[in-house]
Amino acid sequence: MFPFFCIAQKGFNISISGDFGKTSLLNKEDKNAGEILDFVPTSGYQMGGNLGYRKEIGGGFAGLNVGVKYSHVGQKYKGRIVDPVNDSTTIIYLIKGQINLNYITIPMELNYTLFKNKRIRPTFSLGCYFAFNKSYSDKWEQINTYNQDVSKFSYNNLDYTQSHFTSAINYTVSSDYKLDKPYYSKIDYGWVTRLGIEFEAFQNCTISVNGTYNRGLKDVENKTEILYSGQFPMKKNPWEYLKYKNGTNGSVKRSKTYNSFLGASLTITYFLFNSKSQKNQK
């Protein structure tokens, strides 16, 4: 018989974590737009630290974590507009878009880890998050397939820029504007869930690998009136913009848009006050 140490990893702890995966902006009109607006797989990430506490309950550990993270999420798009009058198969415009949203996120999660005496144990958590929009960019490009003219408009916080490149004369005209208020909401909130495995690395340290899913519950867009200036809307709404370019003028009520993140996370946790209990093993 010889001794081994079963580490009771409980109490106050600090951790660092990184989440990497697929990010989406969920909107009903965008999803049902067909070939006019297709979602392109988009990667995002979250990185930061947490402060937590956990205690032994039953055969495992129950705890609470509160963190601060930097989150980079968004969505890429591609699309095409066909000739609605002469030939429904002829593409007249190609469209590309990319939205980047950067947040300071505060997650709060309840977690439970099974089999406290095992070195490898399943763990899961459920909680919520609150996020504050630090910055955003929103860029769209339209290419005329007949003459290769390129029209662009972009939003960087309150700065709005539109431009048009005429290929026949190799000349670009651009204009800059200021928005009255940001197009994207300053706050977001939603729920968080994780499921994975915790590894007992050292006496005071664990490493966790989890699948994670975050789902926003607040509309991230500030809905505004669309003010047209030539070919471009002064205040951007992707669906209305594309409807307008496809020959349908006028206002269309836009549904809510939500953040979504699906990926994997890696967390390294250090327990500030720890103890170990000696057992015997044959």
C-alpha atoms as a PDB file:
ATOM      1  CA  MET A   1       0.000   0.000   0.000  1.00  0.00           C
ATOM      2  CA  PHE A   2       1.168   3.533  -0.717  1.00  0.00           C
ATOM      3  CA  PRO A   3      -0.319   7.021  -0.204  1.00  0.00           C
ATOM      4  CA  PHE A   4      -1.628   9.372  -2.821  1.00  0.00           C
ATOM      5  CA  PHE A   5      -3.134  12.825  -2.504  1.00  0.00           C
ATOM      6  CA  CYS A   6      -6.715  13.695  -3.362  1.00  0.00           C
ATOM      7  CA  ILE A   7      -6.852  17.451  -3.721  1.00  0.00           C
ATOM      8  CA  ALA A   8      -9.884  19.258  -2.316  1.00  0.00           C
ATOM      9  CA  GLN A   9      -9.993  22.179  -4.721  1.00  0.00           C
ATOM     10  CA  LYS A  10     -12.510  24.532  -3.213  1.00  0.00           C
ATOM     11  CA  GLY A  11     -12.804  28.024  -1.792  1.00  0.00           C
ATOM     12  CA  PHE A  12     -11.883  31.291  -3.509  1.00  0.00           C
ATOM     13  CA  ASN A  13     -10.205  31.100  -6.891  1.00  0.00           C
ATOM     14  CA  ILE A  14      -9.063  33.220  -9.816  1.00  0.00           C
ATOM     15  CA  SER A  15      -8.938  32.136 -13.444  1.00  0.00           C
ATOM     16  CA  ILE A  16      -8.126  33.219 -16.960  1.00  0.00           C
ATOM     17  CA  SER A  17     -10.127  31.989 -19.932  1.00  0.00           C
ATOM     18  CA  GLY A  18     -10.428  32.218 -23.686  1.00  0.00           C
ATOM     19  CA  ASP A  19     -13.439  31.366 -25.845  1.00  0.00           C
ATOM     20  CA  PHE A  20     -13.104  30.822 -29.591  1.00  0.00           C
ATOM     21  CA  GLY A  21     -15.829  29.889 -32.055  1.00  0.00           C
ATOM     22  CA  LYS A  22     -18.579  30.884 -34.451  1.00  0.00           C
ATOM     23  CA  THR A  23     -20.409  34.152 -33.945  1.00  0.00           C
ATOM     24  CA  SER A  24     -23.697  35.223 -35.541  1.00  0.00           C
ATOM     25  CA  LEU A  25     -26.177  38.088 -35.653  1.00  0.00           C
ATOM     26  CA  LEU A  26     -29.619  36.481 -35.642  1.00  0.00           C
ATOM     27  CA  ASN A  27     -32.319  38.356 -37.559  1.00  0.00           C
ATOM     28  CA  LYS A  28     -35.482  36.968 -39.167  1.00  0.00           C
ATOM     29  CA  GLU A  29     -35.402  39.134 -42.307  1.00  0.00           C
ATOM     30  CA  ASP A  30     -31.721  38.488 -42.916  1.00  0.00           C
ATOM     31  CA  LYS A  31     -32.225  34.733 -42.519  1.00  0.00           C
ATOM     32  CA  ASN A  32     -35.144  34.681 -44.985  1.00  0.00           C
ATOM     33  CA  ALA A  33     -33.586  37.051 -47.534  1.00  0.00           C
ATOM     34  CA  GLY A  34     -32.436  34.209 -49.805  1.00  0.00           C
ATOM     35  CA  GLU A  35     -29.676  34.911 -52.300  1.00  0.00           C
ATOM     36  CA  ILE A  36     -29.872  38.648 -51.641  1.00  0.00           C
ATOM     37  CA  LEU A  37     -28.193  38.167 -48.275  1.00  0.00           C
ATOM     38  CA  ASP A  38     -26.369  34.967 -47.277  1.00  0.00           C
ATOM     39  CA  PHE A  39     -24.609  34.422 -43.958  1.00  0.00           C
ATOM     40  CA  VAL A  40     -20.875  33.727 -44.213  1.00  0.00           C
ATOM     41  CA  PRO A  41     -19.283  31.706 -41.345  1.00  0.00           C
ATOM     42  CA  THR A  42     -17.736  34.232 -38.965  1.00  0.00           C
ATOM     43  CA  SER A  43     -15.262  33.662 -36.145  1.00  0.00           C
ATOM     44  CA  GLY A  44     -15.232  35.464 -32.818  1.00  0.00           C
ATOM     45  CA  TYR A  45     -13.558  35.288 -29.440  1.00  0.00           C
ATOM     46  CA  GLN A  46     -13.769  36.281 -25.778  1.00  0.00           C
ATOM     47  CA  MET A  47     -10.795  36.638 -23.421  1.00  0.00           C
ATOM     48  CA  GLY A  48     -10.555  37.692 -19.796  1.00  0.00           C
ATOM     49  CA  GLY A  49     -10.452  36.721 -16.148  1.00  0.00           C
ATOM     50  CA  ASN A  50     -12.799  35.511 -13.413  1.00  0.00           C
ATOM     51  CA  LEU A  51     -13.116  35.561  -9.647  1.00  0.00           C
ATOM     52  CA  GLY A  52     -14.955  32.615  -8.117  1.00  0.00           C
ATOM     53  CA  TYR A  53     -15.850  30.608  -5.065  1.00  0.00           C
ATOM     54  CA  ARG A  54     -16.896  26.978  -4.733  1.00  0.00           C
ATOM     55  CA  LYS A  55     -17.662  24.489  -1.991  1.00  0.00           C
ATOM     56  CA  GLU A  56     -18.294  20.781  -1.629  1.00  0.00           C
ATOM     57  CA  ILE A  57     -21.939  19.813  -2.114  1.00  0.00           C
ATOM     58  CA  GLY A  58     -22.945  16.187  -2.426  1.00  0.00           C
ATOM     59  CA  GLY A  59     -20.346  14.309  -4.398  1.00  0.00           C
ATOM     60  CA  GLY A  60     -18.998  17.351  -6.220  1.00  0.00           C
ATOM     61  CA  PHE A  61     -18.304  21.091  -6.140  1.00  0.00           C
ATOM     62  CA  ALA A  62     -20.822  23.915  -6.580  1.00  0.00           C
ATOM     63  CA  GLY A  63     -19.625  27.432  -7.291  1.00  0.00           C
ATOM     64  CA  LEU A  64     -20.168  30.935  -8.582  1.00  0.00           C
ATOM     65  CA  ASN A  65     -17.921  32.840 -11.013  1.00  0.00           C
ATOM     66  CA  VAL A  66     -17.977  36.531 -11.963  1.00  0.00           C
ATOM     67  CA  GLY A  67     -15.697  37.722 -14.750  1.00  0.00           C
ATOM     68  CA  VAL A  68     -14.654  40.551 -17.033  1.00  0.00           C
ATOM     69  CA  LYS A  69     -13.933  39.770 -20.686  1.00  0.00           C
ATOM     70  CA  TYR A  70     -13.206  41.485 -23.964  1.00  0.00           C
ATOM     71  CA  SER A  71     -15.567  40.102 -26.628  1.00  0.00           C
ATOM     72  CA  HIS A  72     -15.240  40.381 -30.385  1.00  0.00           C
ATOM     73  CA  VAL A  73     -18.355  39.214 -32.261  1.00  0.00           C
ATOM     74  CA  GLY A  74     -20.237  40.033 -35.462  1.00  0.00           C
ATOM     75  CA  GLN A  75     -21.272  38.648 -38.823  1.00  0.00           C
ATOM     76  CA  LYS A  76     -20.057  38.485 -42.424  1.00  0.00           C
ATOM     77  CA  TYR A  77     -22.420  38.488 -45.406  1.00  0.00           C
ATOM     78  CA  LYS A  78     -22.430  37.961 -49.126  1.00  0.00           C
ATOM     79  CA  GLY A  79     -25.246  38.387 -51.595  1.00  0.00           C
ATOM     80  CA  ARG A  80     -26.315  39.024 -55.143  1.00  0.00           C
ATOM     81  CA  ILE A  81     -29.112  40.919 -56.812  1.00  0.00           C
ATOM     82  CA  VAL A  82     -30.514  39.680 -60.101  1.00  0.00           C
ATOM     83  CA  ASP A  83     -32.239  41.680 -62.818  1.00  0.00           C
ATOM     84  CA  PRO A  84     -35.876  41.762 -61.626  1.00  0.00           C
ATOM     85  CA  VAL A  85     -37.262  42.884 -64.998  1.00  0.00           C
ATOM     86  CA  ASN A  86     -35.361  41.418 -67.949  1.00  0.00           C
ATOM     87  CA  ASP A  87     -33.742  38.220 -66.718  1.00  0.00           C
ATOM     88  CA  SER A  88     -34.153  36.752 -63.246  1.00  0.00           C
ATOM     89  CA  THR A  89     -30.941  34.717 -63.662  1.00  0.00           C
ATOM     90  CA  THR A  90     -28.679  37.628 -64.616  1.00  0.00           C
ATOM     91  CA  ILE A  91     -26.707  38.975 -61.660  1.00  0.00           C
ATOM     92  CA  ILE A  92     -26.470  42.751 -61.719  1.00  0.00           C
ATOM     93  CA  TYR A  93     -24.924  43.382 -58.282  1.00  0.00           C
ATOM     94  CA  LEU A  94     -22.603  41.445 -55.979  1.00  0.00           C
ATOM     95  CA  ILE A  95     -22.715  42.418 -52.305  1.00  0.00           C
ATOM     96  CA  LYS A  96     -20.307  41.899 -49.399  1.00  0.00           C
ATOM     97  CA  GLY A  97     -20.773  42.992 -45.808  1.00  0.00           C
ATOM     98  CA  GLN A  98     -19.033  42.679 -42.463  1.00  0.00           C
ATOM     99  CA  ILE A  99     -20.160  43.768 -38.998  1.00  0.00           C
ATOM    100  CA  ASN A 100     -17.753  43.825 -36.037  1.00  0.00           C
ATOM    101  CA  LEU A 101     -19.000  44.449 -32.487  1.00  0.00           C
ATOM    102  CA  ASN A 102     -16.568  44.838 -29.592  1.00  0.00           C
ATOM    103  CA  TYR A 103     -17.818  44.549 -26.014  1.00  0.00           C
ATOM    104  CA  ILE A 104     -16.621  44.612 -22.428  1.00  0.00           C
ATOM    105  CA  THR A 105     -18.589  41.657 -21.072  1.00  0.00           C
ATOM    106  CA  ILE A 106     -19.387  40.720 -17.469  1.00  0.00           C
ATOM    107  CA  PRO A 107     -20.476  37.055 -17.173  1.00  0.00           C
ATOM    108  CA  MET A 108     -21.951  35.593 -13.980  1.00  0.00           C
ATOM    109  CA  GLU A 109     -22.192  31.792 -13.872  1.00  0.00           C
ATOM    110  CA  LEU A 110     -23.302  29.096 -11.466  1.00  0.00           C
ATOM    111  CA  ASN A 111     -21.357  25.876 -11.970  1.00  0.00           C
ATOM    112  CA  TYR A 112     -21.321  22.324 -10.701  1.00  0.00           C
ATOM    113  CA  THR A 113     -18.526  19.759 -10.999  1.00  0.00           C
ATOM    114  CA  LEU A 114     -19.174  16.049 -10.411  1.00  0.00           C
ATOM    115  CA  PHE A 115     -16.925  13.448  -8.747  1.00  0.00           C
ATOM    116  CA  LYS A 116     -14.847  15.616  -6.430  1.00  0.00           C
ATOM    117  CA  ASN A 117     -12.374  12.793  -5.751  1.00  0.00           C
ATOM    118  CA  LYS A 118     -11.553  12.205  -9.401  1.00  0.00           C
ATOM    119  CA  ARG A 119      -8.758  13.955 -11.249  1.00  0.00           C
ATOM    120  CA  ILE A 120     -10.841  14.161 -14.436  1.00  0.00           C
ATOM    121  CA  ARG A 121     -14.469  15.169 -13.877  1.00  0.00           C
ATOM    122  CA  PRO A 122     -17.436  16.546 -15.861  1.00  0.00           C
ATOM    123  CA  THR A 123     -18.509  20.106 -15.214  1.00  0.00           C
ATOM    124  CA  PHE A 124     -21.317  22.364 -16.399  1.00  0.00           C
ATOM    125  CA  SER A 125     -22.456  25.925 -15.782  1.00  0.00           C
ATOM    126  CA  LEU A 126     -25.383  28.216 -16.469  1.00  0.00           C
ATOM    127  CA  GLY A 127     -25.572  31.956 -16.098  1.00  0.00           C
ATOM    128  CA  CYS A 128     -26.047  35.357 -17.678  1.00  0.00           C
ATOM    129  CA  TYR A 129     -23.936  38.154 -19.071  1.00  0.00           C
ATOM    130  CA  PHE A 130     -24.098  41.926 -19.371  1.00  0.00           C
ATOM    131  CA  ALA A 131     -22.072  43.634 -22.101  1.00  0.00           C
ATOM    132  CA  PHE A 132     -21.134  47.219 -22.915  1.00  0.00           C
ATOM    133  CA  ASN A 133     -20.437  48.151 -26.521  1.00  0.00           C
ATOM    134  CA  LYS A 134     -16.928  49.553 -26.713  1.00  0.00           C
ATOM    135  CA  SER A 135     -16.841  50.078 -30.495  1.00  0.00           C
ATOM    136  CA  TYR A 136     -18.266  48.790 -33.745  1.00  0.00           C
ATOM    137  CA  SER A 137     -17.686  48.853 -37.496  1.00  0.00           C
ATOM    138  CA  ASP A 138     -20.151  48.021 -40.237  1.00  0.00           C
ATOM    139  CA  LYS A 139     -18.933  47.856 -43.849  1.00  0.00           C
ATOM    140  CA  TRP A 140     -20.809  47.088 -47.072  1.00  0.00           C
ATOM    141  CA  GLU A 141     -19.654  46.895 -50.678  1.00  0.00           C
ATOM    142  CA  GLN A 142     -21.688  46.590 -53.869  1.00  0.00           C
ATOM    143  CA  ILE A 143     -20.122  45.734 -57.247  1.00  0.00           C
ATOM    144  CA  ASN A 144     -21.949  46.388 -60.503  1.00  0.00           C
ATOM    145  CA  THR A 145     -21.271  43.310 -62.672  1.00  0.00           C
ATOM    146  CA  TYR A 146     -21.875  45.223 -65.927  1.00  0.00           C
ATOM    147  CA  ASN A 147     -19.388  48.074 -65.585  1.00  0.00           C
ATOM    148  CA  GLN A 148     -17.443  47.080 -62.405  1.00  0.00           C
ATOM    149  CA  ASP A 149     -18.432  50.255 -60.591  1.00  0.00           C
ATOM    150  CA  VAL A 150     -18.035  49.849 -56.824  1.00  0.00           C
ATOM    151  CA  SER A 151     -20.220  51.491 -54.185  1.00  0.00           C
ATOM    152  CA  LYS A 152     -19.278  51.340 -50.507  1.00  0.00           C
ATOM    153  CA  PHE A 153     -20.600  52.575 -47.213  1.00  0.00           C
ATOM    154  CA  SER A 154     -19.241  52.024 -43.734  1.00  0.00           C
ATOM    155  CA  TYR A 155     -19.963  52.893 -40.119  1.00  0.00           C
ATOM    156  CA  ASN A 156     -17.281  53.293 -37.485  1.00  0.00           C
ATOM    157  CA  ASN A 157     -19.084  54.309 -34.317  1.00  0.00           C
ATOM    158  CA  LEU A 158     -20.672  57.702 -35.196  1.00  0.00           C
ATOM    159  CA  ASP A 159     -18.659  58.180 -38.396  1.00  0.00           C
ATOM    160  CA  TYR A 160     -20.448  57.291 -41.633  1.00  0.00           C
ATOM    161  CA  THR A 161     -18.605  57.192 -44.983  1.00  0.00           C
ATOM    162  CA  GLN A 162     -19.992  56.510 -48.443  1.00  0.00           C
ATOM    163  CA  SER A 163     -18.099  56.307 -51.710  1.00  0.00           C
ATOM    164  CA  HIS A 164     -18.625  55.413 -55.355  1.00  0.00           C
ATOM    165  CA  PHE A 165     -15.921  54.304 -57.772  1.00  0.00           C
ATOM    166  CA  THR A 166     -16.653  54.804 -61.482  1.00  0.00           C
ATOM    167  CA  SER A 167     -14.483  52.413 -63.456  1.00  0.00           C
ATOM    168  CA  ALA A 168     -15.018  54.139 -66.835  1.00  0.00           C
ATOM    169  CA  ILE A 169     -13.146  57.231 -65.702  1.00  0.00           C
ATOM    170  CA  ASN A 170     -11.200  55.628 -62.810  1.00  0.00           C
ATOM    171  CA  TYR A 171     -12.600  58.160 -60.338  1.00  0.00           C
ATOM    172  CA  THR A 172     -13.902  57.881 -56.764  1.00  0.00           C
ATOM    173  CA  VAL A 173     -16.341  60.254 -55.044  1.00  0.00           C
ATOM    174  CA  SER A 174     -16.688  59.998 -51.266  1.00  0.00           C
ATOM    175  CA  SER A 175     -18.600  61.776 -48.494  1.00  0.00           C
ATOM    176  CA  ASP A 176     -18.380  61.717 -44.688  1.00  0.00           C
ATOM    177  CA  TYR A 177     -21.190  62.235 -42.185  1.00  0.00           C
ATOM    178  CA  LYS A 178     -21.834  62.087 -38.458  1.00  0.00           C
ATOM    179  CA  LEU A 179     -24.698  60.056 -37.038  1.00  0.00           C
ATOM    180  CA  ASP A 180     -26.921  61.537 -34.352  1.00  0.00           C
ATOM    181  CA  LYS A 181     -26.663  58.336 -32.298  1.00  0.00           C
ATOM    182  CA  PRO A 182     -24.850  55.013 -32.645  1.00  0.00           C
ATOM    183  CA  TYR A 183     -26.555  52.456 -34.873  1.00  0.00           C
ATOM    184  CA  TYR A 184     -25.779  49.658 -32.401  1.00  0.00           C
ATOM    185  CA  SER A 185     -27.016  49.598 -28.830  1.00  0.00           C
ATOM    186  CA  LYS A 186     -24.575  50.486 -26.074  1.00  0.00           C
ATOM    187  CA  ILE A 187     -25.574  47.468 -23.977  1.00  0.00           C
ATOM    188  CA  ASP A 188     -26.384  43.799 -24.496  1.00  0.00           C
ATOM    189  CA  TYR A 189     -27.390  40.982 -22.166  1.00  0.00           C
ATOM    190  CA  GLY A 190     -28.217  37.309 -22.451  1.00  0.00           C
ATOM    191  CA  TRP A 191     -27.539  33.829 -21.093  1.00  0.00           C
ATOM    192  CA  VAL A 192     -24.463  31.603 -21.016  1.00  0.00           C
ATOM    193  CA  THR A 193     -24.142  27.828 -20.815  1.00  0.00           C
ATOM    194  CA  ARG A 194     -21.075  25.556 -20.715  1.00  0.00           C
ATOM    195  CA  LEU A 195     -20.496  21.818 -20.635  1.00  0.00           C
ATOM    196  CA  GLY A 196     -17.107  20.126 -20.477  1.00  0.00           C
ATOM    197  CA  ILE A 197     -14.319  18.418 -18.550  1.00  0.00           C
ATOM    198  CA  GLU A 198     -12.174  19.667 -15.676  1.00  0.00           C
ATOM    199  CA  PHE A 199      -8.639  18.314 -15.253  1.00  0.00           C
ATOM    200  CA  GLU A 200      -6.855  18.425 -11.889  1.00  0.00           C
ATOM    201  CA  ALA A 201      -3.458  19.703 -13.002  1.00  0.00           C
ATOM    202  CA  PHE A 202      -1.650  20.551  -9.741  1.00  0.00           C
ATOM    203  CA  GLN A 203      -2.502  20.920  -6.085  1.00  0.00           C
ATOM    204  CA  ASN A 204      -3.977  24.394  -6.514  1.00  0.00           C
ATOM    205  CA  CYS A 205      -4.714  24.399 -10.229  1.00  0.00           C
ATOM    206  CA  THR A 206      -7.322  22.992 -12.622  1.00  0.00           C
ATOM    207  CA  ILE A 207      -7.687  23.197 -16.400  1.00  0.00           C
ATOM    208  CA  SER A 208     -11.149  23.115 -17.967  1.00  0.00           C
ATOM    209  CA  VAL A 209     -12.142  22.531 -21.587  1.00  0.00           C
ATOM    210  CA  ASN A 210     -15.775  23.350 -22.365  1.00  0.00           C
ATOM    211  CA  GLY A 211     -18.237  23.735 -25.161  1.00  0.00           C
ATOM    212  CA  THR A 212     -19.950  27.101 -24.721  1.00  0.00           C
ATOM    213  CA  TYR A 213     -23.049  28.816 -26.086  1.00  0.00           C
ATOM    214  CA  ASN A 214     -24.039  32.449 -25.502  1.00  0.00           C
ATOM    215  CA  ARG A 215     -27.383  33.840 -26.668  1.00  0.00           C
ATOM    216  CA  GLY A 216     -28.320  37.503 -26.523  1.00  0.00           C
ATOM    217  CA  LEU A 217     -31.765  38.600 -25.333  1.00  0.00           C
ATOM    218  CA  LYS A 218     -31.597  42.266 -26.349  1.00  0.00           C
ATOM    219  CA  ASP A 219     -31.880  43.855 -29.773  1.00  0.00           C
ATOM    220  CA  VAL A 220     -28.341  45.034 -30.574  1.00  0.00           C
ATOM    221  CA  GLU A 221     -29.514  47.527 -33.223  1.00  0.00           C
ATOM    222  CA  ASN A 222     -30.889  51.002 -32.603  1.00  0.00           C
ATOM    223  CA  LYS A 223     -33.732  51.090 -35.136  1.00  0.00           C
ATOM    224  CA  THR A 224     -33.692  54.377 -37.077  1.00  0.00           C
ATOM    225  CA  GLU A 225     -35.402  55.965 -40.037  1.00  0.00           C
ATOM    226  CA  ILE A 226     -33.663  55.392 -43.355  1.00  0.00           C
ATOM    227  CA  LEU A 227     -32.692  58.680 -45.003  1.00  0.00           C
ATOM    228  CA  TYR A 228     -31.668  58.170 -48.629  1.00  0.00           C
ATOM    229  CA  SER A 229     -28.936  60.208 -50.262  1.00  0.00           C
ATOM    230  CA  GLY A 230     -28.516  59.162 -53.882  1.00  0.00           C
ATOM    231  CA  GLN A 231     -27.913  55.409 -53.820  1.00  0.00           C
ATOM    232  CA  PHE A 232     -27.164  55.121 -50.119  1.00  0.00           C
ATOM    233  CA  PRO A 233     -29.186  55.160 -46.918  1.00  0.00           C
ATOM    234  CA  MET A 234     -27.792  57.713 -44.491  1.00  0.00           C
ATOM    235  CA  LYS A 235     -28.551  55.450 -41.552  1.00  0.00           C
ATOM    236  CA  LYS A 236     -27.914  51.828 -42.273  1.00  0.00           C
ATOM    237  CA  ASN A 237     -30.359  48.985 -42.243  1.00  0.00           C
ATOM    238  CA  PRO A 238     -29.022  46.059 -44.320  1.00  0.00           C
ATOM    239  CA  TRP A 239     -32.396  44.598 -45.218  1.00  0.00           C
ATOM    240  CA  GLU A 240     -33.924  47.921 -46.263  1.00  0.00           C
ATOM    241  CA  TYR A 241     -30.763  48.807 -48.140  1.00  0.00           C
ATOM    242  CA  LEU A 242     -30.939  45.610 -50.169  1.00  0.00           C
ATOM    243  CA  LYS A 243     -34.682  45.947 -50.725  1.00  0.00           C
ATOM    244  CA  TYR A 244     -34.064  49.472 -51.976  1.00  0.00           C
ATOM    245  CA  LYS A 245     -31.296  48.372 -54.328  1.00  0.00           C
ATOM    246  CA  ASN A 246     -33.521  45.579 -55.619  1.00  0.00           C
ATOM    247  CA  GLY A 247     -36.101  48.083 -56.773  1.00  0.00           C
ATOM    248  CA  THR A 248     -38.408  48.147 -53.736  1.00  0.00           C
ATOM    249  CA  ASN A 249     -38.426  51.623 -52.230  1.00  0.00           C
ATOM    250  CA  GLY A 250     -40.050  52.588 -48.960  1.00  0.00           C
ATOM    251  CA  SER A 251     -39.759  51.468 -45.366  1.00  0.00           C
ATOM    252  CA  VAL A 252     -39.866  47.872 -44.132  1.00  0.00           C
ATOM    253  CA  LYS A 253     -40.142  47.265 -40.386  1.00  0.00           C
ATOM    254  CA  ARG A 254     -37.078  45.346 -39.255  1.00  0.00           C
ATOM    255  CA  SER A 255     -37.281  42.674 -36.554  1.00  0.00           C
ATOM    256  CA  LYS A 256     -34.902  42.391 -33.616  1.00  0.00           C
ATOM    257  CA  THR A 257     -31.279  41.300 -34.010  1.00  0.00           C
ATOM    258  CA  TYR A 258     -29.549  39.158 -31.377  1.00  0.00           C
ATOM    259  CA  ASN A 259     -25.952  38.150 -30.688  1.00  0.00           C
ATOM    260  CA  SER A 260     -25.083  34.445 -30.719  1.00  0.00           C
ATOM    261  CA  PHE A 261     -21.801  32.650 -29.983  1.00  0.00           C
ATOM    262  CA  LEU A 262     -21.048  28.910 -30.227  1.00  0.00           C
ATOM    263  CA  GLY A 263     -17.551  27.632 -29.540  1.00  0.00           C
ATOM    264  CA  ALA A 264     -15.034  26.102 -27.167  1.00  0.00           C
ATOM    265  CA  SER A 265     -13.354  27.573 -24.114  1.00  0.00           C
ATOM    266  CA  LEU A 266     -10.155  26.906 -22.196  1.00  0.00           C
ATOM    267  CA  THR A 267      -9.966  27.982 -18.532  1.00  0.00           C
ATOM    268  CA  ILE A 268      -7.033  27.797 -16.106  1.00  0.00           C
ATOM    269  CA  THR A 269      -8.085  28.189 -12.460  1.00  0.00           C
ATOM    270  CA  TYR A 270      -5.896  28.781  -9.413  1.00  0.00           C
ATOM    271  CA  PHE A 271      -7.312  28.185  -5.918  1.00  0.00           C
ATOM    272  CA  LEU A 272      -6.104  30.738  -3.407  1.00  0.00           C
ATOM    273  CA  PHE A 273      -6.639  28.694  -0.233  1.00  0.00           C
ATOM    274  CA  ASN A 274      -6.463  24.971  -0.733  1.00  0.00           C
ATOM    275  CA  SER A 275      -5.973  21.776   1.154  1.00  0.00           C
ATOM    276  CA  LYS A 276      -5.144  18.186   0.363  1.00  0.00           C
ATOM    277  CA  SER A 277      -6.277  15.017   2.046  1.00  0.00           C
ATOM    278  CA  GLN A 278      -4.190  11.882   2.124  1.00  0.00           C
ATOM    279  CA  LYS A 279      -5.775   8.518   1.235  1.00  0.00           C
ATOM    280  CA  ASN A 280      -4.424   5.059   0.807  1.00  0.00           C
ATOM    281  CA  GLN A 281      -4.342   3.066  -2.373  1.00  0.00           C
ATOM    282  CA  LYS A 282      -3.176  -0.482  -2.993  1.00  0.00           C
END
